[in-house]
């Protein structure tokens, strides 16, 4: 799931208008609307503010946010899956050796 979809889902479940969430994030409504439309990826601080304001699962949102960042970097690369596999192997190796 994309972060934009998750944010919209959480906001709608809370029955809040976009303008109230935007105010809580200290951004204008148009910027928040771009977040929900997937045209603007919030920064980490905004994700944390969002999770706090809407009492949403912070770790889940951060995981989706990070996955979106990775996806944005590799989405147009021919060997994206191969590169992800190498990155995953390196993450596992570095975790084990810590």
N, C-alpha and C. Protein backbone atom coordinates (compact mmCIF):
# COMPACT_ATOMS: atom_id res chain seq x y z
N UNK A 1 0.85 -1.19 0.00
CA UNK A 1 0.00 0.00 0.00
C UNK A 1 0.89 1.24 0.00
N UNK A 2 0.51 2.21 -0.76
CA UNK A 2 1.22 3.47 -0.79
C UNK A 2 0.87 4.31 0.43
N UNK A 3 1.79 5.15 0.85
CA UNK A 3 1.55 6.01 2.00
C UNK A 3 0.36 6.92 1.76
N UNK A 4 0.23 7.43 0.55
CA UNK A 4 -0.90 8.33 0.24
C UNK A 4 -2.23 7.65 0.50
N UNK A 5 -2.36 6.39 0.10
CA UNK A 5 -3.60 5.65 0.32
C UNK A 5 -3.85 5.42 1.81
N UNK A 6 -2.79 5.09 2.52
CA UNK A 6 -2.91 4.82 3.96
C UNK A 6 -3.30 6.09 4.71
N UNK A 7 -2.72 7.21 4.36
CA UNK A 7 -3.05 8.47 5.02
C UNK A 7 -4.51 8.84 4.77
N UNK A 8 -4.96 8.68 3.55
CA UNK A 8 -6.36 8.99 3.24
C UNK A 8 -7.29 8.06 4.03
N UNK A 9 -6.96 6.80 4.05
CA UNK A 9 -7.78 5.82 4.77
C UNK A 9 -7.89 6.18 6.26
N UNK A 10 -6.78 6.50 6.87
CA UNK A 10 -6.77 6.85 8.29
C UNK A 10 -7.56 8.13 8.54
N UNK A 11 -7.35 9.14 7.70
CA UNK A 11 -8.07 10.41 7.85
C UNK A 11 -9.57 10.22 7.69
N UNK A 12 -9.97 9.45 6.69
CA UNK A 12 -11.40 9.23 6.47
C UNK A 12 -12.02 8.43 7.61
N UNK A 13 -11.30 7.46 8.16
CA UNK A 13 -11.82 6.70 9.30
C UNK A 13 -12.02 7.61 10.52
N UNK A 14 -11.16 8.62 10.64
CA UNK A 14 -11.27 9.58 11.74
C UNK A 14 -12.33 10.64 11.45
N UNK A 15 -12.86 10.63 10.23
CA UNK A 15 -13.89 11.58 9.80
C UNK A 15 -13.42 13.04 9.95
N UNK A 16 -12.20 13.27 9.51
CA UNK A 16 -11.62 14.61 9.56
C UNK A 16 -11.44 15.15 8.15
N UNK A 17 -11.67 16.44 7.97
CA UNK A 17 -11.40 17.05 6.65
C UNK A 17 -9.89 17.24 6.47
N UNK A 18 -9.49 17.31 5.23
CA UNK A 18 -8.08 17.49 4.91
C UNK A 18 -7.52 18.74 5.57
N UNK A 19 -8.30 19.81 5.67
CA UNK A 19 -7.81 21.07 6.21
C UNK A 19 -7.38 20.94 7.67
N UNK A 20 -8.08 20.10 8.44
CA UNK A 20 -7.71 19.92 9.85
C UNK A 20 -6.40 19.14 9.99
N UNK A 21 -6.22 18.14 9.15
CA UNK A 21 -4.97 17.38 9.18
C UNK A 21 -3.83 18.27 8.70
N UNK A 22 -4.08 19.04 7.66
CA UNK A 22 -3.06 19.96 7.15
C UNK A 22 -2.63 20.94 8.25
N UNK A 23 -3.59 21.48 8.98
CA UNK A 23 -3.26 22.41 10.06
C UNK A 23 -2.40 21.74 11.13
N UNK A 24 -2.71 20.49 11.45
CA UNK A 24 -1.93 19.75 12.46
C UNK A 24 -0.50 19.51 11.98
N UNK A 25 -0.31 19.38 10.66
CA UNK A 25 1.01 19.18 10.09
C UNK A 25 1.72 20.49 9.78
N UNK A 26 1.02 21.60 10.01
CA UNK A 26 1.54 22.94 9.76
C UNK A 26 1.90 23.14 8.28
N UNK A 27 0.99 22.67 7.42
CA UNK A 27 1.13 22.85 5.97
C UNK A 27 -0.21 23.33 5.43
N UNK A 28 -0.22 23.81 4.21
CA UNK A 28 -1.51 24.24 3.64
C UNK A 28 -2.28 23.02 3.13
N UNK A 29 -3.56 23.23 2.94
CA UNK A 29 -4.44 22.14 2.52
C UNK A 29 -4.04 21.59 1.16
N UNK A 30 -3.61 22.46 0.27
CA UNK A 30 -3.21 22.01 -1.07
C UNK A 30 -2.03 21.03 -1.00
N UNK A 31 -1.08 21.31 -0.13
CA UNK A 31 0.07 20.41 0.03
C UNK A 31 -0.40 19.08 0.59
N UNK A 32 -1.27 19.12 1.59
CA UNK A 32 -1.77 17.86 2.15
C UNK A 32 -2.54 17.08 1.09
N UNK A 33 -3.32 17.77 0.28
CA UNK A 33 -4.07 17.12 -0.79
C UNK A 33 -3.11 16.41 -1.75
N UNK A 34 -1.97 17.05 -2.06
CA UNK A 34 -0.97 16.42 -2.93
C UNK A 34 -0.39 15.17 -2.27
N UNK A 35 -0.28 15.18 -0.95
CA UNK A 35 0.19 13.99 -0.23
C UNK A 35 -0.79 12.83 -0.45
N UNK A 36 -2.07 13.11 -0.26
CA UNK A 36 -3.07 12.06 -0.40
C UNK A 36 -3.23 11.60 -1.85
N UNK A 37 -2.87 12.46 -2.79
CA UNK A 37 -2.95 12.08 -4.20
C UNK A 37 -1.67 11.44 -4.71
N UNK A 38 -0.68 11.28 -3.81
CA UNK A 38 0.57 10.64 -4.19
C UNK A 38 1.50 11.50 -5.02
N UNK A 39 1.27 12.80 -5.05
CA UNK A 39 2.11 13.71 -5.82
C UNK A 39 3.21 14.34 -4.98
N UNK A 40 3.15 14.15 -3.66
CA UNK A 40 4.13 14.72 -2.75
C UNK A 40 4.32 13.74 -1.59
N UNK A 41 5.55 13.32 -1.36
CA UNK A 41 5.84 12.42 -0.26
C UNK A 41 6.22 13.26 0.96
N UNK A 42 5.48 13.09 2.05
CA UNK A 42 5.82 13.87 3.24
C UNK A 42 7.20 13.49 3.76
N UNK A 43 7.77 14.38 4.56
CA UNK A 43 9.04 14.04 5.19
C UNK A 43 8.76 13.24 6.47
N UNK A 44 9.81 12.74 7.07
CA UNK A 44 9.65 11.87 8.24
C UNK A 44 8.94 12.60 9.39
N UNK A 45 9.29 13.85 9.60
CA UNK A 45 8.66 14.62 10.67
C UNK A 45 7.15 14.73 10.44
N UNK A 46 6.74 14.95 9.21
CA UNK A 46 5.31 15.05 8.89
C UNK A 46 4.60 13.72 9.13
N UNK A 47 5.26 12.62 8.81
CA UNK A 47 4.68 11.29 9.07
C UNK A 47 4.49 11.09 10.57
N UNK A 48 5.49 11.49 11.35
CA UNK A 48 5.38 11.35 12.80
C UNK A 48 4.27 12.24 13.37
N UNK A 49 4.16 13.47 12.87
CA UNK A 49 3.08 14.36 13.32
C UNK A 49 1.72 13.78 12.95
N UNK A 50 1.62 13.25 11.75
CA UNK A 50 0.37 12.65 11.29
C UNK A 50 -0.02 11.48 12.19
N UNK A 51 0.92 10.61 12.47
CA UNK A 51 0.62 9.44 13.30
C UNK A 51 0.21 9.86 14.71
N UNK A 52 0.85 10.88 15.24
CA UNK A 52 0.50 11.36 16.58
C UNK A 52 -0.89 12.00 16.58
N UNK A 53 -1.15 12.87 15.61
CA UNK A 53 -2.42 13.59 15.54
C UNK A 53 -3.60 12.65 15.36
N UNK A 54 -3.41 11.61 14.55
CA UNK A 54 -4.52 10.69 14.26
C UNK A 54 -4.43 9.38 15.04
N UNK A 55 -3.49 9.33 15.98
CA UNK A 55 -3.30 8.15 16.81
C UNK A 55 -3.19 6.89 15.95
N UNK A 56 -2.35 7.00 14.92
CA UNK A 56 -2.15 5.89 13.98
C UNK A 56 -0.86 5.15 14.34
N UNK A 57 -0.72 3.96 13.86
CA UNK A 57 0.46 3.13 14.12
C UNK A 57 1.69 3.79 13.49
N UNK A 58 2.52 4.38 14.34
CA UNK A 58 3.69 5.12 13.87
C UNK A 58 4.65 4.25 13.09
N UNK A 59 4.95 3.07 13.59
CA UNK A 59 5.92 2.21 12.92
C UNK A 59 5.41 1.75 11.56
N UNK A 60 4.13 1.44 11.48
CA UNK A 60 3.54 1.03 10.20
C UNK A 60 3.66 2.15 9.17
N UNK A 61 3.34 3.37 9.58
CA UNK A 61 3.43 4.51 8.66
C UNK A 61 4.88 4.77 8.25
N UNK A 62 5.81 4.66 9.19
CA UNK A 62 7.21 4.88 8.84
C UNK A 62 7.73 3.80 7.89
N UNK A 63 7.28 2.56 8.09
CA UNK A 63 7.68 1.49 7.16
C UNK A 63 7.17 1.76 5.76
N UNK A 64 5.92 2.17 5.65
CA UNK A 64 5.33 2.47 4.33
C UNK A 64 6.05 3.68 3.72
N UNK A 65 6.33 4.70 4.54
CA UNK A 65 7.02 5.90 4.07
C UNK A 65 8.40 5.53 3.49
N UNK A 66 9.15 4.70 4.22
CA UNK A 66 10.48 4.31 3.76
C UNK A 66 10.39 3.48 2.48
N UNK A 67 9.42 2.58 2.43
CA UNK A 67 9.22 1.78 1.22
C UNK A 67 8.90 2.68 0.02
N UNK A 68 8.09 3.72 0.24
CA UNK A 68 7.79 4.66 -0.84
C UNK A 68 9.03 5.39 -1.31
N UNK A 69 9.91 5.77 -0.38
CA UNK A 69 11.14 6.45 -0.76
C UNK A 69 12.02 5.54 -1.61
N UNK A 70 12.15 4.29 -1.20
CA UNK A 70 12.95 3.32 -1.98
C UNK A 70 12.33 3.14 -3.36
N UNK A 71 11.02 2.96 -3.40
CA UNK A 71 10.33 2.76 -4.66
C UNK A 71 10.56 3.94 -5.62
N UNK A 72 10.46 5.16 -5.09
CA UNK A 72 10.65 6.34 -5.93
C UNK A 72 12.04 6.37 -6.56
N UNK A 73 13.04 5.86 -5.85
CA UNK A 73 14.41 5.86 -6.37
C UNK A 73 14.59 4.81 -7.46
N UNK A 74 13.97 3.65 -7.31
CA UNK A 74 14.28 2.53 -8.21
C UNK A 74 13.19 2.19 -9.22
N UNK A 75 12.05 2.86 -9.16
CA UNK A 75 10.91 2.44 -9.97
C UNK A 75 11.17 2.37 -11.47
N UNK A 76 12.07 3.16 -11.97
CA UNK A 76 12.33 3.17 -13.41
C UNK A 76 13.60 2.42 -13.81
N UNK A 77 14.18 1.70 -12.87
CA UNK A 77 15.40 0.95 -13.15
C UNK A 77 15.06 -0.46 -13.64
N UNK A 78 15.78 -0.92 -14.64
CA UNK A 78 15.53 -2.25 -15.20
C UNK A 78 15.84 -3.37 -14.22
N UNK A 79 16.84 -3.19 -13.39
CA UNK A 79 17.26 -4.24 -12.47
C UNK A 79 16.84 -3.95 -11.04
N UNK A 80 15.71 -3.32 -10.87
CA UNK A 80 15.27 -2.90 -9.54
C UNK A 80 15.14 -4.08 -8.58
N UNK A 81 14.53 -5.15 -9.01
CA UNK A 81 14.34 -6.31 -8.13
C UNK A 81 15.68 -6.91 -7.72
N UNK A 82 16.58 -7.00 -8.65
CA UNK A 82 17.91 -7.54 -8.36
C UNK A 82 18.63 -6.65 -7.34
N UNK A 83 18.56 -5.35 -7.54
CA UNK A 83 19.19 -4.40 -6.61
C UNK A 83 18.57 -4.50 -5.22
N UNK A 84 17.26 -4.66 -5.17
CA UNK A 84 16.59 -4.81 -3.87
C UNK A 84 17.05 -6.08 -3.16
N UNK A 85 17.21 -7.14 -3.91
CA UNK A 85 17.69 -8.39 -3.31
C UNK A 85 19.09 -8.22 -2.72
N UNK A 86 19.96 -7.52 -3.44
CA UNK A 86 21.31 -7.27 -2.92
C UNK A 86 21.23 -6.41 -1.66
N UNK A 87 20.43 -5.38 -1.69
CA UNK A 87 20.27 -4.52 -0.52
C UNK A 87 19.75 -5.30 0.67
N UNK A 88 18.78 -6.19 0.44
CA UNK A 88 18.22 -7.01 1.52
C UNK A 88 19.29 -7.93 2.10
N UNK A 89 20.09 -8.53 1.23
CA UNK A 89 21.17 -9.40 1.70
C UNK A 89 22.15 -8.61 2.57
N UNK A 90 22.48 -7.39 2.13
CA UNK A 90 23.40 -6.56 2.90
C UNK A 90 22.81 -6.15 4.25
N UNK A 91 21.53 -5.87 4.26
CA UNK A 91 20.87 -5.52 5.52
C UNK A 91 20.92 -6.70 6.49
N UNK A 92 20.68 -7.88 5.97
CA UNK A 92 20.70 -9.08 6.82
C UNK A 92 22.11 -9.33 7.35
N UNK A 93 23.11 -9.21 6.47
CA UNK A 93 24.50 -9.41 6.89
C UNK A 93 24.89 -8.43 7.98
N UNK A 94 24.56 -7.19 7.79
CA UNK A 94 24.93 -6.15 8.75
C UNK A 94 24.18 -6.29 10.07
N UNK A 95 22.97 -6.80 10.03
CA UNK A 95 22.20 -7.05 11.26
C UNK A 95 22.85 -8.16 12.07
N UNK A 96 23.25 -9.22 11.39
CA UNK A 96 23.84 -10.38 12.05
C UNK A 96 25.17 -10.03 12.68
N UNK A 97 25.95 -9.18 12.02
CA UNK A 97 27.29 -8.86 12.52
C UNK A 97 27.27 -7.77 13.59
N UNK A 98 26.16 -7.14 13.84
CA UNK A 98 26.09 -6.09 14.88
C UNK A 98 26.22 -6.64 16.26
